[in-house]
Amino acid sequence: MSIVTRLGCILIPLTLLASAAAAWAQAAPPPTPMPFPQALQKAADDLFGKATLTDQQVDLVIDPLIDAASGSQSTATRSMQQTLIEIVRKSYPRFTVQSFDSASLARKPVVLVGTFTAVNNNGAADGVRDAYRICLTLADLKSNSVVSKGVARARIEGVDVTPTQYYSDAPLWAKDQATDAYIKTCQGTKLGETIDPAYVERLTANALVNDGILAYESQHFREALAYYRAARKLPGGEQHRVRIGTYLAAGKLARRDDMVDAFGDLVDYGLGANQLMVKLLFKPGTTQFIDDPRIAEPYPMWLSQIATRARQKGACLEIVGHSSRTGLPQVNERLSTLRAQFVMDLLLTGAPENRNRIIATGRGFKENLIGTGKDDGSDALDRRVEFKVIGC
């Protein structure tokens, strides 16, 4: 006997109601992307205007916004942060923006986190990324809870998502627990929920890492290195950004041995996580590395460290080539495979005995991280070469 619900004098099966609700949800139109400035204003107004806080005056710190796909800061996220500060000062005087540092964090302020992510507006997992999703969250350290959310969709026109200098110079990419905790705090929480403890634990270290990034980008390399070393000693300071920053600063200071050791540390971390994504840039449409010596000069050292440390760990590797969305799918898949084979041949040059421990494959643009198809510095991660630890 079927279960029914009585509405007036009409009996409607619950299964029919559920089916109708599901059909309605599927038929609901996607959000309409707005021009970027309007989308950010909407998200900010929802965030600050609807915040559930009892204090009349609120200290606010901003943990720098990131791209949720890559974990990077970009020209767009930096611009968003500055605009948010201006919006607060103009329209929401209840909030006072403080520096993101240990002294401010000790007063248990409200922390703003935000992500900016390229998405397919219709929700197709493999579709063209034709919009940006803005997510803003306020996390109150006093109540240890999420006190406001603001979301919006922005058009892609006129948005510069080129990574900032630190992230552009980074030799490889990997999300770690610190980045995942940040993204979860923004995207994976609901109003009133407890802040992710993994995020709170790393806040002071995050502030030092940010100081290091800003020092590096202003060419104060010794100061940057000091910030990274200090951050690494703190709870939650064992972060991928610290390892990358140490490598970059050592390179700028011409400390060759420290640079090699730091890159080896990055490789060990990636192999331990079974995934090492390296930014080896190629000439368009070819299997030859880019001509720019400023970029390609360290490639031999990188590959030597990968080969050496993989051998020391007895690891077998799958080298996976990737491409951006530009061009025909079958051409991109073929090119990404050839590039992976090229890298494999380089690894085997000095260690031919490893031939049975390495394979090469290509994915084309099937596993894009950025997915905008701009084919410039903003989506360089989509043209990465990935080293995956596999069973021998």
Protein backbone atom coordinates (compact mmCIF):
# COMPACT_ATOMS: atom_id res chain seq x y z
CA MET A 1 0.00 0.00 0.00
CA SER A 2 1.43 3.35 -0.97
CA ILE A 3 1.90 6.16 1.52
CA VAL A 4 -0.13 9.25 0.61
CA THR A 5 -0.49 12.86 1.73
CA ARG A 6 -3.86 14.58 2.02
CA LEU A 7 -4.11 18.05 0.44
CA GLY A 8 -7.71 19.24 0.67
CA CYS A 9 -9.59 16.32 -0.81
CA ILE A 10 -6.82 15.27 -3.20
CA LEU A 11 -4.58 12.32 -2.36
CA ILE A 12 -1.07 12.66 -3.83
CA PRO A 13 1.54 9.91 -3.47
CA LEU A 14 4.69 11.11 -1.65
CA THR A 15 6.84 9.50 -4.34
CA LEU A 16 5.12 11.72 -6.90
CA LEU A 17 5.80 14.81 -4.78
CA ALA A 18 9.47 13.86 -4.49
CA SER A 19 9.72 13.34 -8.25
CA ALA A 20 8.07 16.68 -8.91
CA ALA A 21 10.44 18.45 -6.50
CA ALA A 22 13.46 16.84 -8.14
CA ALA A 23 12.21 17.82 -11.60
CA TRP A 24 11.66 21.39 -10.41
CA ALA A 25 15.18 21.55 -8.94
CA GLN A 26 16.66 20.29 -12.19
CA ALA A 27 14.64 22.81 -14.17
CA ALA A 28 15.63 25.77 -11.95
CA PRO A 29 17.72 28.19 -13.99
CA PRO A 30 21.36 28.72 -13.03
CA PRO A 31 22.43 31.99 -11.38
CA THR A 32 22.85 34.88 -13.78
CA PRO A 33 26.46 36.13 -13.71
CA MET A 34 26.82 39.87 -13.18
CA PRO A 35 29.64 42.21 -14.15
CA PHE A 36 32.50 41.58 -11.75
CA PRO A 37 32.21 44.86 -9.72
CA GLN A 38 28.47 44.37 -9.21
CA ALA A 39 28.90 40.73 -8.20
CA LEU A 40 31.52 41.61 -5.60
CA GLN A 41 29.35 44.45 -4.25
CA LYS A 42 26.38 42.07 -3.90
CA ALA A 43 28.43 39.45 -2.06
CA ALA A 44 29.95 42.12 0.21
CA ASP A 45 26.57 43.67 1.06
CA ASP A 46 25.17 40.26 2.01
CA LEU A 47 28.29 39.48 4.02
CA PHE A 48 28.53 42.66 6.09
CA GLY A 49 24.87 43.69 6.08
CA LYS A 50 23.58 40.36 7.43
CA ALA A 51 26.37 39.51 9.89
CA THR A 52 24.98 38.03 13.12
CA LEU A 53 27.23 39.80 15.64
CA THR A 54 26.33 41.33 19.00
CA ASP A 55 29.29 43.71 19.32
CA GLN A 56 28.69 47.24 18.10
CA GLN A 57 32.31 47.61 17.00
CA VAL A 58 34.07 44.68 15.35
CA ASP A 59 37.74 44.16 14.54
CA LEU A 60 38.12 42.59 11.10
CA VAL A 61 41.16 40.93 9.56
CA ILE A 62 41.35 39.55 6.04
CA ASP A 63 43.13 36.27 5.40
CA PRO A 64 43.98 36.91 1.72
CA LEU A 65 41.44 35.62 -0.79
CA ILE A 66 42.46 32.78 -3.09
CA ASP A 67 41.46 30.90 -6.22
CA ALA A 68 39.85 27.74 -4.84
CA ALA A 69 41.00 25.59 -7.76
CA SER A 70 44.69 26.40 -7.41
CA GLY A 71 45.01 27.91 -3.93
CA SER A 72 46.78 30.90 -5.52
CA GLN A 73 46.36 34.60 -5.04
CA SER A 74 45.89 36.51 -8.28
CA THR A 75 45.54 40.03 -9.60
CA ALA A 76 41.78 39.56 -9.23
CA THR A 77 41.83 38.30 -5.63
CA ARG A 78 44.19 41.12 -4.58
CA SER A 79 41.87 43.62 -6.25
CA MET A 80 38.88 42.05 -4.53
CA GLN A 81 40.56 42.40 -1.14
CA GLN A 82 41.28 46.09 -1.66
CA THR A 83 37.73 46.70 -2.86
CA LEU A 84 36.31 44.93 0.20
CA ILE A 85 38.39 47.18 2.46
CA GLU A 86 37.03 50.25 0.65
CA ILE A 87 33.44 48.96 0.92
CA VAL A 88 33.83 48.41 4.66
CA ARG A 89 35.27 51.86 5.27
CA LYS A 90 32.60 53.55 3.16
CA SER A 91 29.45 51.62 4.05
CA TYR A 92 30.04 49.46 7.13
CA PRO A 93 31.81 51.58 9.81
CA ARG A 94 30.88 48.98 12.42
CA PHE A 95 33.86 46.98 11.14
CA THR A 96 37.43 48.19 11.60
CA VAL A 97 39.97 46.55 9.30
CA GLN A 98 43.11 45.47 11.17
CA SER A 99 46.40 44.05 9.96
CA PHE A 100 46.57 40.30 9.45
CA ASP A 101 49.20 39.58 12.12
CA SER A 102 49.66 37.79 15.44
CA ALA A 103 48.83 40.88 17.51
CA SER A 104 45.47 41.34 15.77
CA LEU A 105 44.69 37.62 15.93
CA ALA A 106 45.36 37.59 19.69
CA ARG A 107 42.35 39.90 20.13
CA LYS A 108 40.11 37.24 18.54
CA PRO A 109 38.72 39.34 15.68
CA VAL A 110 36.34 38.37 12.93
CA VAL A 111 38.29 36.85 10.05
CA LEU A 112 37.19 37.25 6.43
CA VAL A 113 38.07 34.43 4.06
CA GLY A 114 37.11 34.31 0.41
CA THR A 115 37.45 32.20 -2.70
CA PHE A 116 37.15 33.11 -6.36
CA THR A 117 36.70 30.14 -8.66
CA ALA A 118 36.15 29.64 -12.38
CA VAL A 119 33.07 27.44 -12.90
CA ASN A 120 30.72 26.28 -15.59
CA ASN A 121 27.64 28.33 -14.86
CA ASN A 122 25.29 25.47 -15.77
CA GLY A 123 27.10 23.10 -13.43
CA ALA A 124 28.61 20.84 -16.10
CA ALA A 125 31.70 19.24 -14.57
CA ASP A 126 33.53 19.08 -17.92
CA GLY A 127 32.02 22.24 -19.40
CA VAL A 128 33.80 25.46 -20.31
CA ARG A 129 34.44 27.66 -17.28
CA ASP A 130 32.28 30.61 -18.26
CA ALA A 131 31.71 32.35 -14.92
CA TYR A 132 33.40 33.03 -11.60
CA ARG A 133 31.90 32.05 -8.26
CA ILE A 134 32.56 34.49 -5.42
CA CYS A 135 32.37 33.07 -1.89
CA LEU A 136 32.91 35.25 1.18
CA THR A 137 32.69 34.12 4.80
CA LEU A 138 33.06 35.81 8.19
CA ALA A 139 34.46 33.60 10.96
CA ASP A 140 34.19 35.02 14.50
CA LEU A 141 37.10 33.82 16.62
CA LYS A 142 35.35 34.86 19.86
CA SER A 143 32.32 32.65 19.32
CA ASN A 144 34.31 30.21 17.17
CA SER A 145 31.50 30.23 14.63
CA VAL A 146 30.60 31.31 11.10
CA VAL A 147 28.58 34.51 11.39
CA SER A 148 27.91 35.53 7.79
CA LYS A 149 28.13 34.40 4.17
CA GLY A 150 28.07 36.22 0.86
CA VAL A 151 28.02 34.61 -2.59
CA ALA A 152 27.61 35.79 -6.17
CA ARG A 153 28.41 34.84 -9.77
CA ALA A 154 30.56 37.13 -11.93
CA ARG A 155 31.10 37.29 -15.66
CA ILE A 156 34.55 36.40 -16.93
CA GLU A 157 34.98 39.54 -19.04
CA GLY A 158 37.52 42.01 -17.74
CA VAL A 159 38.79 39.77 -14.93
CA ASP A 160 42.55 39.29 -14.62
CA VAL A 161 43.31 36.04 -12.82
CA THR A 162 47.06 36.07 -13.48
CA PRO A 163 48.77 34.68 -10.36
CA THR A 164 50.75 37.14 -8.27
CA GLN A 165 54.54 36.97 -8.50
CA TYR A 166 55.08 34.44 -5.71
CA TYR A 167 52.53 32.00 -7.13
CA SER A 168 53.68 32.60 -10.71
CA ASP A 169 57.29 31.83 -9.71
CA ALA A 170 56.35 28.71 -7.73
CA PRO A 171 57.99 25.67 -9.39
CA LEU A 172 55.17 23.29 -8.63
CA TRP A 173 51.70 23.06 -7.20
CA ALA A 174 50.01 21.01 -4.54
CA LYS A 175 47.16 21.66 -2.19
CA ASP A 176 47.93 20.90 1.42
CA GLN A 177 45.93 20.79 4.65
CA ALA A 178 46.28 24.54 5.19
CA THR A 179 44.76 25.39 1.81
CA ASP A 180 42.06 22.74 2.15
CA ALA A 181 41.11 24.09 5.61
CA TYR A 182 40.85 27.63 4.21
CA ILE A 183 38.61 26.53 1.33
CA LYS A 184 36.45 24.42 3.65
CA THR A 185 35.97 27.40 5.98
CA CYS A 186 34.69 29.47 3.07
CA GLN A 187 32.81 26.99 0.92
CA GLY A 188 32.06 24.05 3.19
CA THR A 189 30.40 25.77 6.15
CA LYS A 190 26.94 27.03 6.95
CA LEU A 191 25.82 30.00 9.01
CA GLY A 192 26.24 29.27 12.73
CA GLU A 193 28.56 26.29 12.30
CA THR A 194 31.80 25.90 14.22
CA ILE A 195 34.95 27.08 12.44
CA ASP A 196 37.14 24.23 11.21
CA PRO A 197 39.77 23.68 13.97
CA ALA A 198 42.38 22.89 11.29
CA TYR A 199 41.94 26.42 9.97
CA VAL A 200 42.06 28.15 13.38
CA GLU A 201 45.20 26.25 14.37
CA ARG A 202 47.09 27.62 11.37
CA LEU A 203 46.01 31.25 11.53
CA THR A 204 49.15 32.67 13.15
CA ALA A 205 51.35 30.67 10.80
CA ASN A 206 49.19 31.86 7.87
CA ALA A 207 49.84 35.47 8.87
CA LEU A 208 53.62 34.90 8.80
CA VAL A 209 53.37 33.09 5.46
CA ASN A 210 51.49 36.06 4.04
CA ASP A 211 54.20 38.40 5.36
CA GLY A 212 56.75 36.21 3.60
CA ILE A 213 54.83 36.32 0.31
CA LEU A 214 54.54 40.10 0.42
CA ALA A 215 58.24 40.46 1.33
CA TYR A 216 59.22 38.21 -1.57
CA GLU A 217 57.06 40.15 -4.03
CA SER A 218 58.63 43.44 -2.85
CA GLN A 219 62.09 41.86 -3.39
CA HIS A 220 63.00 41.73 0.31
CA PHE A 221 64.24 38.17 0.01
CA ARG A 222 66.12 37.87 3.31
CA GLU A 223 63.08 39.07 5.22
CA ALA A 224 60.91 36.63 3.27
CA LEU A 225 63.16 33.73 4.17
CA ALA A 226 63.07 34.74 7.85
CA TYR A 227 59.25 34.80 7.80
CA TYR A 228 59.07 31.33 6.24
CA ARG A 229 61.50 29.88 8.76
CA ALA A 230 59.59 31.43 11.64
CA ALA A 231 56.27 30.15 10.29
CA ARG A 232 57.58 26.61 9.98
CA LYS A 233 58.28 26.50 13.72
CA LEU A 234 54.67 27.33 14.63
CA PRO A 235 51.72 24.92 14.98
CA GLY A 236 50.38 24.38 11.48
CA GLY A 237 53.51 25.87 9.95
CA GLU A 238 54.40 22.75 7.97
CA GLN A 239 52.78 24.18 4.87
CA HIS A 240 53.48 23.78 1.18
CA ARG A 241 53.62 27.56 0.81
CA VAL A 242 56.47 27.66 3.33
CA ARG A 243 58.45 25.10 1.34
CA ILE A 244 57.83 26.97 -1.91
CA GLY A 245 58.74 30.31 -0.33
CA THR A 246 61.96 28.91 1.10
CA TYR A 247 62.95 27.61 -2.35
CA LEU A 248 62.10 30.89 -4.10
CA ALA A 249 63.88 33.11 -1.57
CA ALA A 250 67.00 30.90 -1.58
CA GLY A 251 67.09 31.11 -5.37
CA LYS A 252 66.84 34.91 -5.38
CA LEU A 253 69.64 35.07 -2.80
CA ALA A 254 71.82 32.82 -5.03
CA ARG A 255 72.11 30.23 -2.28
CA ARG A 256 72.45 27.28 -4.62
CA ASP A 257 72.78 24.53 -2.03
CA ASP A 258 69.85 25.85 0.01
CA MET A 259 67.81 26.10 -3.19
CA VAL A 260 68.52 22.48 -4.14
CA ASP A 261 67.75 21.26 -0.61
CA ALA A 262 64.48 23.24 -0.58
CA PHE A 263 63.40 21.79 -3.92
CA GLY A 264 64.27 18.31 -2.67
CA ASP A 265 62.03 19.00 0.33
CA LEU A 266 59.21 19.90 -2.08
CA VAL A 267 59.77 16.68 -4.03
CA ASP A 268 59.75 14.56 -0.86
CA TYR A 269 56.47 16.15 0.19
CA GLY A 270 54.90 15.52 -3.22
CA LEU A 271 56.10 11.92 -3.42
CA GLY A 272 54.82 11.34 0.12
CA ALA A 273 51.41 12.64 -0.98
CA ASN A 274 51.62 10.47 -4.15
CA GLN A 275 51.26 13.53 -6.36
CA LEU A 276 53.84 16.02 -7.60
CA MET A 277 52.67 18.67 -10.06
CA VAL A 278 55.53 20.54 -11.70
CA LYS A 279 55.25 23.62 -13.89
CA LEU A 280 57.40 22.66 -16.86
CA LEU A 281 56.49 25.13 -19.59
CA PHE A 282 56.74 24.21 -23.28
CA LYS A 283 56.79 26.18 -26.51
CA PRO A 284 53.24 26.33 -27.92
CA GLY A 285 52.43 23.21 -29.93
CA THR A 286 55.81 21.55 -29.32
CA THR A 287 57.59 19.15 -26.96
CA GLN A 288 60.46 21.57 -26.35
CA PHE A 289 60.81 23.61 -23.19
CA ILE A 290 60.19 27.34 -23.34
CA ASP A 291 63.18 29.40 -24.53
CA ASP A 292 63.12 31.87 -21.62
CA PRO A 293 66.24 30.99 -19.53
CA ARG A 294 64.84 32.75 -16.47
CA ILE A 295 62.09 30.13 -16.41
CA ALA A 296 63.74 27.01 -17.81
CA GLU A 297 67.21 27.30 -16.26
CA PRO A 298 66.37 25.24 -13.13
CA TYR A 299 64.56 22.47 -15.05
CA PRO A 300 67.59 20.11 -15.16
CA MET A 301 68.03 20.44 -11.40
CA TRP A 302 64.31 19.82 -10.84
CA LEU A 303 64.31 16.66 -12.93
CA SER A 304 67.52 15.44 -11.31
CA GLN A 305 66.04 15.86 -7.84
CA ILE A 306 62.82 14.09 -8.87
CA ALA A 307 64.72 11.15 -10.36
CA THR A 308 67.10 10.88 -7.40
CA ARG A 309 64.50 11.09 -4.67
CA ALA A 310 62.06 8.79 -6.42
CA ARG A 311 64.85 6.22 -6.73
CA GLN A 312 65.77 6.64 -3.05
CA LYS A 313 62.16 5.96 -2.08
CA GLY A 314 61.87 3.03 -4.49
CA ALA A 315 58.90 4.78 -6.07
CA CYS A 316 57.45 3.97 -9.49
CA LEU A 317 56.11 7.00 -11.37
CA GLU A 318 53.42 7.78 -13.90
CA ILE A 319 54.34 10.98 -15.72
CA VAL A 320 51.13 12.70 -16.83
CA GLY A 321 51.09 15.52 -19.36
CA HIS A 322 48.31 18.13 -19.38
CA SER A 323 47.25 20.91 -21.73
CA SER A 324 44.99 23.95 -21.63
CA ARG A 325 41.63 23.90 -23.40
CA THR A 326 42.82 25.75 -26.52
CA GLY A 327 42.67 23.56 -29.66
CA LEU A 328 41.10 20.24 -30.65
CA PRO A 329 40.72 17.61 -27.89
CA GLN A 330 42.50 14.85 -29.82
CA VAL A 331 45.41 17.14 -30.69
CA ASN A 332 45.79 18.26 -27.08
CA GLU A 333 45.71 14.70 -25.80
CA ARG A 334 48.39 13.65 -28.28
CA LEU A 335 50.57 16.66 -27.47
CA SER A 336 50.26 16.14 -23.71
CA THR A 337 51.33 12.49 -24.14
CA LEU A 338 54.36 13.47 -26.22
CA ARG A 339 55.39 16.02 -23.63
CA ALA A 340 55.14 13.44 -20.86
CA GLN A 341 57.28 11.05 -22.92
CA PHE A 342 59.83 13.83 -23.49
CA VAL A 343 60.12 14.39 -19.74
CA MET A 344 60.36 10.64 -19.14
CA ASP A 345 63.24 10.40 -21.61
CA LEU A 346 65.07 13.17 -19.74
CA LEU A 347 64.59 11.38 -16.42
CA LEU A 348 65.95 8.16 -17.91
CA THR A 349 69.00 9.80 -19.51
CA GLY A 350 71.03 9.53 -16.33
CA ALA A 351 69.29 6.49 -14.90
CA PRO A 352 68.31 4.04 -17.67
CA GLU A 353 67.85 1.29 -15.07
CA ASN A 354 64.61 3.02 -14.04
CA ARG A 355 62.95 2.38 -17.41
CA ASN A 356 60.64 -0.29 -15.99
CA ARG A 357 59.64 2.00 -13.12
CA ILE A 358 58.29 4.95 -15.17
CA ILE A 359 55.42 5.28 -17.64
CA ALA A 360 54.16 8.33 -19.57
CA THR A 361 50.55 9.26 -20.34
CA GLY A 362 48.60 12.32 -21.46
CA ARG A 363 45.26 13.75 -20.34
CA GLY A 364 44.83 16.70 -22.70
CA PHE A 365 42.55 19.20 -20.97
CA LYS A 366 40.41 16.60 -19.19
CA GLU A 367 41.85 17.49 -15.77
CA ASN A 368 42.19 21.26 -16.04
CA LEU A 369 42.54 23.06 -12.73
CA ILE A 370 41.83 26.57 -14.04
CA GLY A 371 39.95 25.70 -17.22
CA THR A 372 39.48 29.16 -18.70
CA GLY A 373 41.43 28.35 -21.88
CA LYS A 374 43.21 31.71 -21.89
CA ASP A 375 46.50 29.98 -22.66
CA ASP A 376 48.59 32.56 -20.82
CA GLY A 377 50.15 32.93 -17.38
CA SER A 378 46.74 32.80 -15.70
CA ASP A 379 46.17 29.14 -16.60
CA ALA A 380 49.77 27.87 -16.63
CA LEU A 381 48.79 25.11 -14.19
CA ASP A 382 46.65 23.57 -16.91
CA ARG A 383 49.86 22.89 -18.87
CA ARG A 384 51.63 21.14 -16.01
CA VAL A 385 53.45 17.83 -15.94
CA GLU A 386 52.37 15.64 -13.07
CA PHE A 387 54.32 12.85 -11.36
CA LYS A 388 52.09 10.27 -9.69
CA VAL A 389 53.41 7.52 -7.45
CA ILE A 390 52.01 4.19 -8.66
CA GLY A 391 52.41 0.57 -7.70
CA CYS A 392 55.56 -1.08 -8.98
